[in-house]
Protein backbone atom coordinates (compact mmCIF):
# COMPACT_ATOMS: atom_id res chain seq x y z
CA UNK A 1 -3.25 29.95 14.88
CA UNK A 2 -5.81 27.44 16.13
CA UNK A 3 -9.03 26.47 14.40
CA UNK A 4 -11.34 25.65 17.29
CA UNK A 5 -14.82 24.97 15.97
CA UNK A 6 -13.67 24.13 12.43
CA UNK A 7 -13.91 20.58 11.09
CA UNK A 8 -12.00 18.53 8.51
CA UNK A 9 -12.63 15.31 6.58
CA UNK A 10 -10.13 13.21 4.62
CA UNK A 11 -10.49 10.81 1.69
CA UNK A 12 -7.52 8.68 0.62
CA UNK A 13 -7.08 6.91 -2.70
CA UNK A 14 -4.48 4.27 -3.47
CA UNK A 15 -1.81 2.59 -1.43
CA UNK A 16 -0.84 2.06 2.21
CA UNK A 17 1.80 4.76 1.78
CA UNK A 18 -0.93 7.30 0.98
CA UNK A 19 -2.84 6.24 4.09
CA UNK A 20 0.23 6.77 6.27
CA UNK A 21 0.72 10.26 4.83
CA UNK A 22 -2.97 11.20 5.13
CA UNK A 23 -2.92 10.20 8.78
CA UNK A 24 0.15 12.33 9.45
CA UNK A 25 -1.39 15.37 7.72
CA UNK A 26 -4.64 14.81 9.62
CA UNK A 27 -2.84 14.83 13.00
CA UNK A 28 -1.49 18.31 12.17
CA UNK A 29 -5.07 19.49 11.67
CA UNK A 30 -6.33 17.90 14.89
CA UNK A 31 -3.39 19.35 16.87
CA UNK A 32 -4.48 22.79 15.63
CA UNK A 33 -8.04 22.48 16.87
CA UNK A 34 -9.88 20.93 13.92
CA UNK A 35 -12.68 18.52 14.68
CA UNK A 36 -12.51 15.15 12.91
CA UNK A 37 -15.36 14.33 10.51
CA UNK A 38 -15.99 11.47 8.14
CA UNK A 39 -16.16 12.24 4.42
CA UNK A 40 -19.91 11.55 4.52
CA UNK A 41 -20.49 14.41 6.95
CA UNK A 42 -20.66 18.18 6.59
CA UNK A 43 -17.19 19.64 7.18
CA UNK A 44 -15.42 22.98 6.76
CA UNK A 45 -12.44 21.42 4.98
CA UNK A 46 -12.28 18.38 2.69
CA UNK A 47 -8.91 16.86 1.77
CA UNK A 48 -8.52 14.34 -1.06
CA UNK A 49 -5.19 12.49 -1.21
CA UNK A 50 -4.90 11.16 -4.76
CA UNK A 51 -3.20 8.24 -6.49
CA UNK A 52 -1.55 8.13 -9.91
CA UNK A 53 -2.01 4.38 -10.27
CA UNK A 54 -5.80 4.53 -9.96
CA UNK A 55 -7.51 3.96 -13.30
CA UNK A 56 -9.69 6.88 -14.37
CA UNK A 57 -8.07 9.04 -11.68
CA UNK A 58 -9.48 12.24 -13.18
CA UNK A 59 -13.06 10.95 -13.17
CA UNK A 60 -12.71 9.56 -9.66
CA UNK A 61 -11.30 12.85 -8.36
CA UNK A 62 -14.20 14.80 -9.88
CA UNK A 63 -16.74 12.48 -8.28
CA UNK A 64 -15.20 12.90 -4.84
CA UNK A 65 -15.02 16.69 -5.18
CA UNK A 66 -18.68 16.73 -6.25
CA UNK A 67 -19.58 14.66 -3.20
CA UNK A 68 -17.87 17.18 -0.92
CA UNK A 69 -19.53 20.12 -2.67
CA UNK A 70 -22.94 18.47 -2.30
CA UNK A 71 -22.38 18.29 1.46
CA UNK A 72 -21.06 21.85 1.82
CA UNK A 73 -20.67 24.04 -1.25
CA UNK A 74 -18.74 26.62 0.76
CA UNK A 75 -16.18 24.17 2.13
CA UNK A 76 -12.45 24.55 1.47
CA UNK A 77 -11.43 21.67 -0.80
CA UNK A 78 -7.81 20.57 -1.17
CA UNK A 79 -6.52 17.94 -3.60
CA UNK A 80 -3.05 16.62 -2.81
CA UNK A 81 -0.73 13.72 -3.62
CA UNK A 82 0.50 11.86 -6.68
CA UNK A 83 -2.21 12.74 -9.18
CA UNK A 84 -2.08 16.35 -7.97
CA UNK A 85 1.64 16.37 -8.82
CA UNK A 86 1.12 14.86 -12.27
CA UNK A 87 -2.05 16.65 -13.43
CA UNK A 88 -2.40 19.86 -11.38
CA UNK A 89 -4.03 21.92 -14.10
CA UNK A 90 -6.73 19.35 -14.82
CA UNK A 91 -7.56 19.17 -11.11
CA UNK A 92 -7.54 22.95 -10.70
CA UNK A 93 -10.30 23.17 -13.32
CA UNK A 94 -12.66 20.95 -11.31
CA UNK A 95 -15.36 23.26 -9.88
CA UNK A 96 -15.04 23.61 -6.13
CA UNK A 97 -11.33 22.86 -5.75
CA UNK A 98 -9.48 25.59 -3.81
CA UNK A 99 -5.89 24.34 -3.71
CA UNK A 100 -3.84 21.66 -5.48
CA UNK A 101 -0.61 20.57 -3.77
CA UNK A 102 2.04 18.31 -5.27
CA UNK A 103 4.88 16.26 -3.85
CA UNK A 104 6.77 18.93 -1.90
CA UNK A 105 3.84 20.96 -0.55
CA UNK A 106 1.25 18.42 0.61
CA UNK A 107 2.65 18.25 4.15
CA UNK A 108 2.28 22.05 4.39
CA UNK A 109 -1.42 21.92 3.62
CA UNK A 110 -2.45 23.63 6.84
CA UNK A 111 -0.62 26.78 5.68
CA UNK A 112 -2.89 27.03 2.63
CA UNK A 113 -6.24 26.60 4.35
CA UNK A 114 -8.44 29.70 4.35
CA UNK A 115 -12.12 30.38 4.87
CA UNK A 116 -12.60 33.37 2.64
CA UNK A 117 -15.14 33.25 -0.16
CA UNK A 118 -14.43 30.46 -2.63
CA UNK A 119 -12.50 31.65 -5.69
CA UNK A 120 -13.16 30.63 -9.27
CA UNK A 121 -9.63 29.33 -9.81
CA UNK A 122 -7.71 26.96 -7.55
CA UNK A 123 -4.24 27.80 -6.28
CA UNK A 124 -1.71 25.30 -7.67
CA UNK A 125 1.58 24.42 -5.95
CA UNK A 126 3.31 21.50 -7.59
CA UNK A 127 7.05 21.34 -8.23
CA UNK A 128 9.78 20.09 -10.48
CA UNK A 129 9.99 16.50 -9.34
CA UNK A 130 13.77 16.86 -8.83
CA UNK A 131 12.88 19.13 -5.89
CA UNK A 132 11.20 16.23 -4.10
CA UNK A 133 14.51 15.23 -2.56
CA UNK A 134 13.62 15.19 1.14
CA UNK A 135 11.91 12.62 3.35
CA UNK A 136 8.90 13.26 5.59
CA UNK A 137 8.23 10.63 8.26
CA UNK A 138 4.64 9.37 8.30
CA UNK A 139 2.54 6.72 9.97
CA UNK A 140 -1.14 5.96 10.38
CA UNK A 141 -3.02 5.89 13.65
CA UNK A 142 -6.69 5.47 14.43
CA UNK A 143 -6.98 1.74 13.83
CA UNK A 144 -5.90 0.27 17.16
CA UNK A 145 -4.91 -3.02 15.56
CA UNK A 146 -2.59 -2.04 12.71
CA UNK A 147 -0.47 0.92 11.60
CA UNK A 148 1.17 1.73 8.27
CA UNK A 149 4.70 3.07 8.83
CA UNK A 150 6.44 4.87 5.95
CA UNK A 151 10.15 4.01 5.75
CA UNK A 152 10.98 4.91 2.13
CA UNK A 153 9.69 7.15 -0.67
CA UNK A 154 10.31 7.61 -4.40
CA UNK A 155 11.80 5.21 -6.93
CA UNK A 156 14.91 5.10 -9.14
CA UNK A 157 13.49 2.44 -11.45
CA UNK A 158 12.24 3.24 -14.94
CA UNK A 159 9.50 0.69 -15.59
CA UNK A 160 7.91 1.69 -18.86
CA UNK A 161 4.30 1.62 -17.55
CA UNK A 162 4.81 3.54 -14.29
CA UNK A 163 4.34 7.21 -13.34
CA UNK A 164 5.40 6.92 -9.70
CA UNK A 165 8.95 8.30 -10.24
CA UNK A 166 7.32 11.31 -11.92
CA UNK A 167 4.93 11.74 -8.99
CA UNK A 168 7.26 11.05 -6.06
CA UNK A 169 10.81 11.56 -7.25
CA UNK A 170 14.06 9.74 -6.46
CA UNK A 171 14.36 6.93 -3.94
CA UNK A 172 15.04 8.22 -0.44
CA UNK A 173 14.58 6.84 3.05
CA UNK A 174 14.08 7.69 6.68
CA UNK A 175 16.94 6.96 9.07
CA UNK A 176 16.81 3.73 11.03
CA UNK A 177 16.77 5.78 14.23
CA UNK A 178 13.68 7.72 13.14
CA UNK A 179 11.92 4.54 12.03
CA UNK A 180 12.60 2.97 15.42
CA UNK A 181 11.37 6.10 17.21
CA UNK A 182 8.16 6.12 15.17
CA UNK A 183 7.61 2.41 15.79
CA UNK A 184 7.91 3.05 19.51
CA UNK A 185 5.40 5.94 19.29
CA UNK A 186 2.99 3.65 17.48
CA UNK A 187 3.49 0.95 20.08
CA UNK A 188 2.72 3.42 22.88
CA UNK A 189 -0.76 3.83 21.34
CA UNK A 190 -1.51 0.15 21.82
CA UNK A 191 -1.10 -0.90 18.19
CA UNK A 192 -0.07 -4.54 17.83
CA UNK A 193 0.99 -4.73 14.17
CA UNK A 194 3.05 -2.41 11.97
CA UNK A 195 3.10 -2.68 8.17
CA UNK A 196 6.27 -1.21 6.62
CA UNK A 197 5.37 0.88 3.58
CA UNK A 198 7.10 2.79 0.80
CA UNK A 199 7.28 2.98 -2.96
CA UNK A 200 10.22 0.57 -3.19
CA UNK A 201 11.08 -0.45 0.37
CA UNK A 202 13.69 -3.00 -0.65
CA UNK A 203 15.74 0.02 -1.83
CA UNK A 204 15.84 1.40 1.72
CA UNK A 205 19.05 3.21 2.64
CA UNK A 206 19.36 6.37 0.58
CA UNK A 207 19.22 9.45 2.77
CA UNK A 208 17.68 12.84 2.00
CA UNK A 209 18.80 14.99 -0.93
CA UNK A 210 20.31 12.09 -2.92
CA UNK A 211 22.77 13.28 -5.53
CA UNK A 212 22.99 11.26 -8.70
CA UNK A 213 26.77 10.86 -8.43
CA UNK A 214 26.60 9.66 -4.83
CA UNK A 215 24.17 6.77 -5.25
CA UNK A 216 26.58 3.89 -5.81
CA UNK A 217 26.54 2.76 -2.20
CA UNK A 218 24.28 3.03 0.82
CA UNK A 219 25.38 3.18 4.47
CA UNK A 220 22.49 0.90 5.51
CA UNK A 221 20.02 -1.37 3.76
CA UNK A 222 16.62 -2.96 4.29
CA UNK A 223 18.08 -5.96 6.11
CA UNK A 224 19.74 -3.63 8.62
CA UNK A 225 16.38 -1.95 9.22
CA UNK A 226 14.34 -5.08 9.85
CA UNK A 227 17.02 -6.51 12.15
CA UNK A 228 16.71 -3.40 14.34
CA UNK A 229 12.92 -3.42 14.24
CA UNK A 230 12.83 -7.02 15.40
CA UNK A 231 13.95 -5.80 18.83
CA UNK A 232 11.30 -3.06 19.27
CA UNK A 233 9.32 -3.67 22.43
CA UNK A 234 5.50 -3.81 22.63
CA UNK A 235 4.91 -4.30 18.88
CA UNK A 236 3.85 -7.91 18.44
CA UNK A 237 4.52 -8.24 14.75
CA UNK A 238 5.78 -6.46 11.64
CA UNK A 239 4.63 -7.06 8.09
CA UNK A 240 6.47 -6.15 4.86
CA UNK A 241 3.96 -4.51 2.51
CA UNK A 242 5.61 -5.23 -0.86
CA UNK A 243 9.15 -5.86 -2.05
CA UNK A 244 10.69 -6.23 -5.50
CA UNK A 245 11.97 -9.76 -6.28
CA UNK A 246 15.43 -8.50 -7.26
CA UNK A 247 15.73 -6.79 -3.83
CA UNK A 248 14.33 -9.69 -1.80
CA UNK A 249 17.67 -11.31 -0.97
CA UNK A 250 18.25 -14.74 0.52
CA UNK A 251 19.49 -12.97 3.66
CA UNK A 252 16.15 -11.16 4.06
CA UNK A 253 14.22 -14.40 3.57
CA UNK A 254 16.49 -16.20 6.05
CA UNK A 255 15.99 -13.44 8.59
CA UNK A 256 12.18 -13.42 8.32
CA UNK A 257 12.14 -17.22 8.65
CA UNK A 258 13.91 -16.94 12.02
CA UNK A 259 12.48 -13.60 13.14
CA UNK A 260 10.73 -13.05 16.45
CA UNK A 261 8.26 -10.57 14.98
CA UNK A 262 8.26 -10.44 11.18
CA UNK A 263 5.24 -12.16 9.68
CA UNK A 264 5.66 -15.03 7.19
CA UNK A 265 3.88 -13.02 4.53
CA UNK A 266 5.44 -11.63 1.36
CA UNK A 267 3.90 -9.53 -1.41
CA UNK A 268 6.20 -9.71 -4.42
CA UNK A 269 5.39 -7.91 -7.70
CA UNK A 270 5.77 -10.08 -10.78
CA UNK A 271 3.79 -8.10 -13.44
CA UNK A 272 4.24 -10.76 -16.13
CA UNK A 273 5.25 -14.40 -16.43
CA UNK A 274 6.66 -13.76 -19.91
CA UNK A 275 10.32 -12.76 -20.11
CA UNK A 276 9.55 -10.94 -23.36
CA UNK A 277 7.03 -8.71 -21.62
CA UNK A 278 9.22 -8.26 -18.53
CA UNK A 279 11.96 -6.91 -20.78
CA UNK A 280 9.53 -4.54 -22.52
CA UNK A 281 8.39 -3.35 -19.09
CA UNK A 282 12.06 -2.81 -18.12
CA UNK A 283 11.65 -4.87 -14.98
CA UNK A 284 14.94 -5.72 -13.26
CA UNK A 285 14.56 -9.50 -13.20
CA UNK A 286 13.34 -12.41 -15.28
CA UNK A 287 10.89 -15.15 -14.33
CA UNK A 288 13.71 -17.53 -13.40
CA UNK A 289 14.76 -15.26 -10.52
CA UNK A 290 11.14 -15.04 -9.38
CA UNK A 291 10.93 -18.84 -9.18
CA UNK A 292 14.09 -18.87 -7.07
CA UNK A 293 12.60 -16.40 -4.59
CA UNK A 294 9.32 -18.32 -4.22
CA UNK A 295 11.19 -21.62 -3.83
CA UNK A 296 13.46 -20.17 -1.15
CA UNK A 297 10.52 -18.81 0.86
CA UNK A 298 8.57 -22.06 0.71
CA UNK A 299 11.66 -24.11 1.56
CA UNK A 300 12.15 -22.20 4.83
CA UNK A 301 8.49 -21.26 5.51
CA UNK A 302 6.06 -23.76 3.94
CA UNK A 303 3.23 -21.95 5.74
CA UNK A 304 4.14 -18.51 4.31
CA UNK A 305 1.54 -16.52 2.41
CA UNK A 306 2.78 -15.08 -0.90
CA UNK A 307 0.87 -12.42 -2.83
CA UNK A 308 1.68 -11.43 -6.40
CA UNK A 309 1.04 -8.29 -8.48
CA UNK A 310 0.42 -8.93 -12.17
CA UNK A 311 -0.54 -6.66 -15.09
CA UNK A 312 -2.60 -7.90 -18.03
CA UNK A 313 -2.94 -6.31 -21.45
CA UNK A 314 0.45 -4.58 -21.60
CA UNK A 315 1.19 -3.37 -25.17
CA UNK A 316 2.50 -6.26 -27.24
CA UNK A 317 1.15 -8.95 -24.89
CA UNK A 318 -0.14 -11.60 -27.28
CA UNK A 319 -2.53 -14.40 -26.32
CA UNK A 320 0.50 -16.68 -26.20
CA UNK A 321 2.29 -14.29 -23.82
CA UNK A 322 -0.76 -14.13 -21.57
CA UNK A 323 -1.16 -17.91 -21.49
CA UNK A 324 2.51 -18.17 -20.62
CA UNK A 325 1.83 -15.91 -17.62
CA UNK A 326 -1.29 -17.88 -16.68
CA UNK A 327 0.56 -21.21 -16.81
CA UNK A 328 3.51 -19.77 -14.87
CA UNK A 329 1.25 -18.50 -12.08
CA UNK A 330 -0.86 -21.65 -12.04
CA UNK A 331 2.23 -23.79 -11.41
CA UNK A 332 3.79 -21.39 -8.89
CA UNK A 333 3.36 -22.03 -5.15
CA UNK A 334 1.72 -18.68 -4.37
CA UNK A 335 -1.36 -17.71 -2.34
CA UNK A 336 -3.21 -14.92 -4.15
CA UNK A 337 -2.98 -12.36 -6.96
CA UNK A 338 -3.56 -8.63 -7.24
CA UNK A 339 -4.53 -8.29 -10.90
CA UNK A 340 -4.21 -4.93 -12.66
CA UNK A 341 -5.54 -4.15 -16.12
CA UNK A 342 -2.98 -2.09 -18.02
CA UNK A 343 -4.12 1.46 -18.65
CA UNK A 344 -2.31 4.14 -20.58
CA UNK A 345 -0.41 6.75 -18.57
CA UNK A 346 0.84 10.07 -19.93
CA UNK A 347 4.61 10.57 -20.19
CA UNK A 348 5.42 6.85 -19.97
CA UNK A 349 7.36 4.94 -22.65
CA UNK A 350 4.63 2.30 -22.84
CA UNK A 351 2.25 4.91 -24.22
CA UNK A 352 4.33 4.99 -27.43
CA UNK A 353 4.40 1.20 -27.86
CA UNK A 354 2.57 -0.51 -30.70
CA UNK A 355 0.35 -3.62 -30.75
CA UNK A 356 -2.07 -2.18 -28.22
CA UNK A 357 -4.31 -4.81 -26.63
CA UNK A 358 -8.05 -4.21 -26.99
CA UNK A 359 -9.87 -3.14 -23.81
CA UNK A 360 -12.27 -6.07 -24.03
CA UNK A 361 -9.32 -8.46 -24.24
CA UNK A 362 -7.62 -6.81 -21.25
CA UNK A 363 -10.80 -7.31 -19.21
CA UNK A 364 -11.10 -10.96 -20.26
CA UNK A 365 -7.54 -11.69 -19.19
CA UNK A 366 -8.10 -9.87 -15.91
CA UNK A 367 -11.15 -12.02 -15.17
CA UNK A 368 -9.25 -15.23 -15.92
CA UNK A 369 -6.50 -14.31 -13.46
CA UNK A 370 -8.96 -13.23 -10.78
CA UNK A 371 -10.61 -16.65 -11.01
CA UNK A 372 -7.17 -18.24 -10.73
CA UNK A 373 -6.44 -16.08 -7.68
CA UNK A 374 -9.59 -17.31 -5.92
CA UNK A 375 -8.55 -20.91 -6.58
CA UNK A 376 -5.02 -20.24 -5.31
CA UNK A 377 -6.31 -18.62 -2.12
CA UNK A 378 -8.72 -21.46 -1.45
CA UNK A 379 -5.95 -24.01 -1.94
CA UNK A 380 -3.66 -22.10 0.43
CA UNK A 381 -6.36 -21.85 3.09
CA UNK A 382 -7.11 -25.55 2.79
CA UNK A 383 -3.42 -26.36 3.23
CA UNK A 384 -3.51 -24.59 6.60
CA UNK A 385 -6.50 -26.43 8.08
CA UNK A 386 -5.51 -28.23 11.26
CA UNK A 387 -2.63 -25.80 11.83
CA UNK A 388 -2.35 -23.55 14.89
CA UNK A 389 -1.37 -19.95 14.20
CA UNK A 390 -1.32 -16.60 16.00
CA UNK A 391 -4.36 -14.48 15.08
CA UNK A 392 -4.84 -10.77 15.73
CA UNK A 393 -8.57 -10.04 15.78
CA UNK A 394 -9.83 -6.67 14.63
CA UNK A 395 -13.59 -6.15 14.68
CA UNK A 396 -17.03 -7.72 14.75
CA UNK A 397 -18.20 -8.37 11.19
CA UNK A 398 -21.63 -9.74 12.07
CA UNK A 399 -23.57 -10.79 15.12
CA UNK A 400 -21.49 -13.02 17.37
CA UNK A 401 -18.53 -13.25 14.95
CA UNK A 402 -15.09 -11.63 15.19
CA UNK A 403 -12.71 -11.35 12.23
CA UNK A 404 -8.93 -11.05 12.19
CA UNK A 405 -5.78 -12.14 10.39
CA UNK A 406 -3.18 -14.73 11.23
CA UNK A 407 0.53 -13.99 11.02
CA UNK A 408 0.52 -15.68 7.60
CA UNK A 409 -2.35 -13.46 6.45
CA UNK A 410 -5.27 -15.86 6.65
CA UNK A 411 -8.62 -14.19 7.30
CA UNK A 412 -10.18 -15.87 10.31
CA UNK A 413 -13.66 -15.80 11.83
CA UNK A 414 -14.25 -16.91 15.41
CA UNK A 415 -17.02 -16.87 18.05
CA UNK A 416 -17.11 -13.60 19.98
CA UNK A 417 -17.21 -15.17 23.44
CA UNK A 418 -14.41 -14.04 25.73
CA UNK A 419 -13.26 -11.63 23.04
CA UNK A 420 -10.71 -8.99 23.99
CA UNK A 421 -10.15 -6.32 21.36
CA UNK A 422 -6.69 -5.96 19.79
CA UNK A 423 -5.28 -9.09 21.40
CA UNK A 424 -3.39 -11.98 19.81
CA UNK A 425 -4.73 -15.51 20.22
CA UNK A 426 -3.26 -18.87 19.29
CA UNK A 427 -5.94 -20.82 17.45
CA UNK A 428 -6.39 -23.98 15.45
CA UNK A 429 -7.95 -23.61 12.01
CA UNK A 430 -11.01 -25.89 11.73
CA UNK A 431 -12.81 -25.34 8.44
CA UNK A 432 -13.59 -22.85 5.66
CA UNK A 433 -16.99 -21.18 5.49
CA UNK A 434 -19.10 -20.46 2.40
CA UNK A 435 -17.51 -17.00 2.05
CA UNK A 436 -13.99 -18.44 2.05
CA UNK A 437 -13.00 -17.44 5.58
CA UNK A 438 -11.27 -19.85 7.93
CA UNK A 439 -13.29 -20.70 11.03
CA UNK A 440 -12.12 -21.60 14.51
CA UNK A 441 -14.63 -23.24 16.82
CA UNK A 442 -12.85 -23.98 20.08
CA UNK A 443 -12.91 -21.61 23.03
CA UNK A 444 -10.37 -18.83 22.71
CA UNK A 445 -7.43 -18.73 25.09
CA UNK A 446 -5.36 -15.57 25.37
CA UNK A 447 -1.80 -15.92 24.10
CA UNK A 448 -0.67 -12.29 24.60
């Protein structure tokens, strides 16, 4: 069945992995005759891909549904993804929602779309999370410059604050052959950069339908994958989205340091600089290992950009614990922070923990670390002035100015003269503007 004349709009919450999956679902709609619309336009179908990490996910979901209903109160509205898996009944009670699809059904969304009169009660199809034991390849297209390529899904870890294993199931991966094939498809569309995404990509290697008693060894691992990707033609560079410190081996760091295409950019979750809190979170490392990883990267790649995830206000985090984290991060040779304020999640062990930190205190700690992050980023940018790096420009941000990112993830502004879209240039960093962007002033010469 084709849907010529019908239109669809998508809204994605959360991570790069969600964006890769939304894009894949959207292509199925377009291939069946749907016209693409933005979420600000009147459409026949609205799809909301949700996130379980987002704070106030229920409130945010309601607001987006209300926005769609205000545009077209007869539209078919589907809510899919992680939050739909975790809280399907709450979502089904939001006025206007027609279908709620969890982890196993979201890629079959097209089968559920109908244009009959809106019903009072949404259809719900979530699953027992143990049934989410298969892998669906996904990648984003539409941005000519960069694509998010899903290589792994699910997680076997049991961090006490996290709902992702409940929303996405066990760790499982695509095959290396399929990843290579998808990378080549992306390259054929003119995309220059691919970002590898997943829930826990360092755990790459488990195939579909993982059985608990067969998970002691993997036929391939993440290092095998990136070695193969390094030889893919037409893609100029690959970027690793995020990788756990206990899975970021010396061999992976060595490989990236000598790679033809992998960017000197790492995003490594820390969550806390206090070993006491790390143990309560059930993280699989202590701060000493984290220091080793940062030191190894900077030894081989002094120019590398290193981002850090950190959570403030975890239950039991005293002022002393927080200051220990602050001091640890302040002394660490990192480039920026992604700071998350702890929020309670249903069905997580942390919800039962005592010594809850007051909301006002969580916000204060968050602000302190965000200020520290800005200082760290400025220091990193200043350390790169006078250096020449490869920059992939993306779009015009304001009159006469083009913005892009270097291989080591520095945001760069340059004059628009002689600009060729989606092309890599080799440029010298001159100065930092008032908004914190690096500027290049010399005439641009094409590198590739």
